[in-house]
Amino acid sequence: MNEGVNVGLLMFLTLAVPGLLFILAGILVLVLEKRKKSRCTAMTMGTVVRYSYVNGTPSPVAAYRIGGVSYEKKRRFRGVVEVRRNLSPKDWTEENQSCYISENDVLHIRGGAVLNLRAMAESLYPMGSSIPVWYDPEKPQRAYVERIPVKGSLVGWIFIWVGLGFAVLGTFLSLVL
């Protein structure tokens, strides 16, 4: 009987407690994101100065000036969807490779095994073009490029749901074992 209590307690501590920590981390991410969104009330125009290619996602980097101080901020998307097809080198044309941003702020990339990400980034956000930047007047380095997100952070929600799964599983196993 004592061994069963120890296994149950071990399951609870191993799964449920980290699950609760994941839930708290997700809530913290959502609260901080909501606070940032509520504070970014001022708008200025930035200029696309370069591109960032994190995980194959072409994102413009906007430079903007507030109070004589220069800042740079990368455009972030809510998500990225890639559709890649097997194309022969002769089919690597611009019409077979394209990208667009959907209404829900998801970047869609279509192309073959080899993509010209710079051309795609340039087609969406030409170098030197103007782009709106929403910033916090008290801390101008806190900003959003092009638009303020409407929905909560996807990362925060993932943390909450994964944490909830671990917490439920750990609690269930601690009661069963």
Protein backbone atom coordinates (compact mmCIF):
# COMPACT_ATOMS: atom_id res chain seq x y z
CA MET A 1 0.00 0.00 0.00
CA ASN A 2 2.80 2.39 0.90
CA GLU A 3 4.51 1.66 -2.44
CA GLY A 4 1.28 2.60 -4.30
CA VAL A 5 1.14 5.94 -2.52
CA ASN A 6 4.76 6.61 -3.46
CA VAL A 7 4.13 5.77 -7.15
CA GLY A 8 1.01 7.95 -7.17
CA LEU A 9 2.89 10.83 -5.54
CA LEU A 10 5.75 10.36 -7.98
CA MET A 11 3.34 10.51 -10.94
CA PHE A 12 1.75 13.64 -9.55
CA LEU A 13 5.09 15.35 -8.96
CA THR A 14 6.49 14.22 -12.32
CA LEU A 15 3.56 15.22 -14.53
CA ALA A 16 0.99 17.38 -12.73
CA VAL A 17 3.36 19.85 -11.07
CA PRO A 18 5.29 20.62 -14.31
CA GLY A 19 1.90 20.84 -16.03
CA LEU A 20 0.81 23.50 -13.55
CA LEU A 21 4.08 25.36 -14.15
CA PHE A 22 3.42 25.23 -17.92
CA ILE A 23 -0.07 26.65 -17.33
CA LEU A 24 1.37 29.49 -15.23
CA ALA A 25 4.02 30.21 -17.89
CA GLY A 26 1.31 30.34 -20.59
CA ILE A 27 -0.80 32.72 -18.52
CA LEU A 28 2.25 34.91 -17.92
CA VAL A 29 3.00 35.05 -21.67
CA LEU A 30 -0.63 36.01 -22.43
CA VAL A 31 -0.72 38.68 -19.71
CA LEU A 32 2.57 40.24 -20.83
CA GLU A 33 1.44 40.23 -24.47
CA LYS A 34 -1.89 41.84 -23.54
CA ARG A 35 -0.08 44.51 -21.52
CA LYS A 36 2.27 45.23 -24.44
CA LYS A 37 -0.69 45.48 -26.86
CA SER A 38 -2.52 47.91 -24.57
CA ARG A 39 0.58 50.13 -24.26
CA CYS A 40 1.46 50.31 -27.97
CA THR A 41 -0.87 53.19 -28.74
CA ALA A 42 1.32 55.54 -30.78
CA MET A 43 1.99 55.02 -34.48
CA THR A 44 4.83 56.16 -36.68
CA MET A 45 6.08 55.16 -40.10
CA GLY A 46 9.16 52.99 -40.29
CA THR A 47 11.32 52.04 -43.25
CA VAL A 48 12.15 48.49 -44.34
CA VAL A 49 15.95 48.34 -43.96
CA ARG A 50 16.65 44.60 -44.19
CA TYR A 51 15.07 41.17 -43.90
CA SER A 52 15.28 38.51 -41.22
CA TYR A 53 15.14 34.84 -42.23
CA VAL A 54 14.47 32.89 -39.04
CA ASN A 55 13.41 29.28 -39.77
CA GLY A 56 12.94 30.09 -43.45
CA THR A 57 10.46 32.89 -42.77
CA PRO A 58 11.22 36.14 -44.61
CA SER A 59 10.31 39.00 -42.27
CA PRO A 60 10.99 42.69 -42.86
CA VAL A 61 12.94 44.66 -40.27
CA ALA A 62 11.68 48.23 -39.89
CA ALA A 63 13.80 51.14 -38.68
CA TYR A 64 11.99 54.01 -36.96
CA ARG A 65 12.94 57.11 -34.95
CA ILE A 66 11.24 58.35 -31.80
CA GLY A 67 12.56 61.41 -29.99
CA GLY A 68 15.79 61.41 -31.99
CA VAL A 69 16.59 57.79 -31.09
CA SER A 70 16.66 55.06 -33.76
CA TYR A 71 15.09 51.66 -33.23
CA GLU A 72 14.67 48.52 -35.31
CA LYS A 73 11.91 45.94 -35.01
CA LYS A 74 11.17 42.74 -36.93
CA ARG A 75 7.71 42.03 -38.31
CA ARG A 76 6.23 38.97 -36.65
CA PHE A 77 3.49 36.79 -38.11
CA ARG A 78 0.91 34.78 -36.18
CA GLY A 79 1.96 31.68 -38.08
CA VAL A 80 3.64 30.36 -41.22
CA VAL A 81 2.28 27.80 -43.69
CA GLU A 82 4.64 26.36 -46.28
CA VAL A 83 3.52 24.36 -49.30
CA ARG A 84 6.47 22.82 -51.11
CA ARG A 85 6.23 20.79 -54.28
CA ASN A 86 8.83 18.80 -56.14
CA LEU A 87 9.80 21.04 -59.02
CA SER A 88 12.52 20.53 -61.54
CA PRO A 89 15.07 23.35 -61.87
CA LYS A 90 13.42 24.54 -65.10
CA ASP A 91 10.15 25.05 -63.14
CA TRP A 92 11.74 27.35 -60.54
CA THR A 93 9.96 30.42 -61.80
CA GLU A 94 8.43 33.32 -59.91
CA GLU A 95 4.91 32.16 -60.76
CA ASN A 96 5.61 28.78 -59.07
CA GLN A 97 7.00 30.54 -56.02
CA SER A 98 4.86 33.00 -54.17
CA CYS A 99 3.89 34.19 -50.74
CA TYR A 100 1.06 36.16 -49.24
CA ILE A 101 -0.30 37.12 -45.83
CA SER A 102 -3.80 35.89 -45.02
CA GLU A 103 -6.45 37.83 -43.16
CA ASN A 104 -5.57 36.13 -39.86
CA ASP A 105 -1.92 37.28 -40.15
CA VAL A 106 -0.47 33.95 -41.32
CA LEU A 107 2.32 34.00 -43.89
CA HIS A 108 1.73 31.47 -46.70
CA ILE A 109 4.77 30.38 -48.73
CA ARG A 110 4.41 28.29 -51.89
CA GLY A 111 7.25 26.89 -53.92
CA GLY A 112 9.64 24.06 -54.62
CA ALA A 113 12.59 22.55 -52.81
CA VAL A 114 14.60 25.73 -53.41
CA LEU A 115 12.94 29.04 -52.58
CA ASN A 116 14.12 32.54 -53.31
CA LEU A 117 13.19 33.97 -49.91
CA ARG A 118 14.74 37.35 -50.65
CA ALA A 119 12.55 37.79 -53.74
CA MET A 120 9.50 36.76 -51.71
CA ALA A 121 10.34 39.20 -48.92
CA GLU A 122 10.97 41.92 -51.50
CA SER A 123 7.60 41.24 -53.17
CA LEU A 124 5.74 41.69 -49.87
CA TYR A 125 7.86 44.49 -48.40
CA PRO A 126 10.16 46.26 -50.87
CA MET A 127 13.44 47.51 -49.44
CA GLY A 128 13.10 51.17 -48.41
CA SER A 129 9.29 51.11 -48.38
CA SER A 130 7.29 52.64 -45.55
CA ILE A 131 5.58 50.44 -43.01
CA PRO A 132 3.52 51.40 -39.93
CA VAL A 133 5.05 50.78 -36.51
CA TRP A 134 2.88 50.80 -33.39
CA TYR A 135 4.96 51.56 -30.28
CA ASP A 136 4.75 52.25 -26.55
CA PRO A 137 5.30 56.00 -26.01
CA GLU A 138 7.02 55.30 -22.67
CA LYS A 139 9.32 52.59 -24.08
CA PRO A 140 9.56 53.02 -27.88
CA GLN A 141 11.61 49.81 -28.25
CA ARG A 142 8.37 47.94 -27.42
CA ALA A 143 6.66 47.88 -30.77
CA TYR A 144 4.73 45.99 -33.42
CA VAL A 145 5.54 46.30 -37.09
CA GLU A 146 2.60 46.73 -39.49
CA ARG A 147 -0.19 45.68 -37.11
CA ILE A 148 -1.01 44.97 -33.50
CA PRO A 149 -2.01 41.31 -33.07
CA VAL A 150 -5.73 40.81 -32.52
CA LYS A 151 -5.56 37.35 -30.97
CA GLY A 152 -3.56 36.16 -27.97
CA SER A 153 -0.11 34.71 -28.32
CA LEU A 154 -0.13 31.23 -29.85
CA VAL A 155 2.85 30.31 -27.66
CA GLY A 156 0.93 31.21 -24.51
CA TRP A 157 -2.03 29.06 -25.52
CA ILE A 158 0.23 26.13 -26.42
CA PHE A 159 1.84 26.32 -22.97
CA ILE A 160 -1.58 26.37 -21.31
CA TRP A 161 -2.97 23.39 -23.27
CA VAL A 162 0.19 21.29 -22.89
CA GLY A 163 0.29 22.13 -19.19
CA LEU A 164 -3.36 21.24 -18.81
CA GLY A 165 -2.74 17.89 -20.49
CA PHE A 166 0.18 17.10 -18.18
CA ALA A 167 -1.73 18.23 -15.09
CA VAL A 168 -4.78 16.09 -15.93
CA LEU A 169 -2.64 13.07 -16.87
CA GLY A 170 -0.50 13.37 -13.74
CA THR A 171 -3.53 13.76 -11.48
CA PHE A 172 -5.31 10.83 -13.12
CA LEU A 173 -2.27 8.53 -12.88
CA SER A 174 -1.65 9.52 -9.26
CA LEU A 175 -5.23 8.51 -8.38
CA VAL A 176 -5.17 5.27 -10.38
CA LEU A 177 -1.77 4.05 -9.23
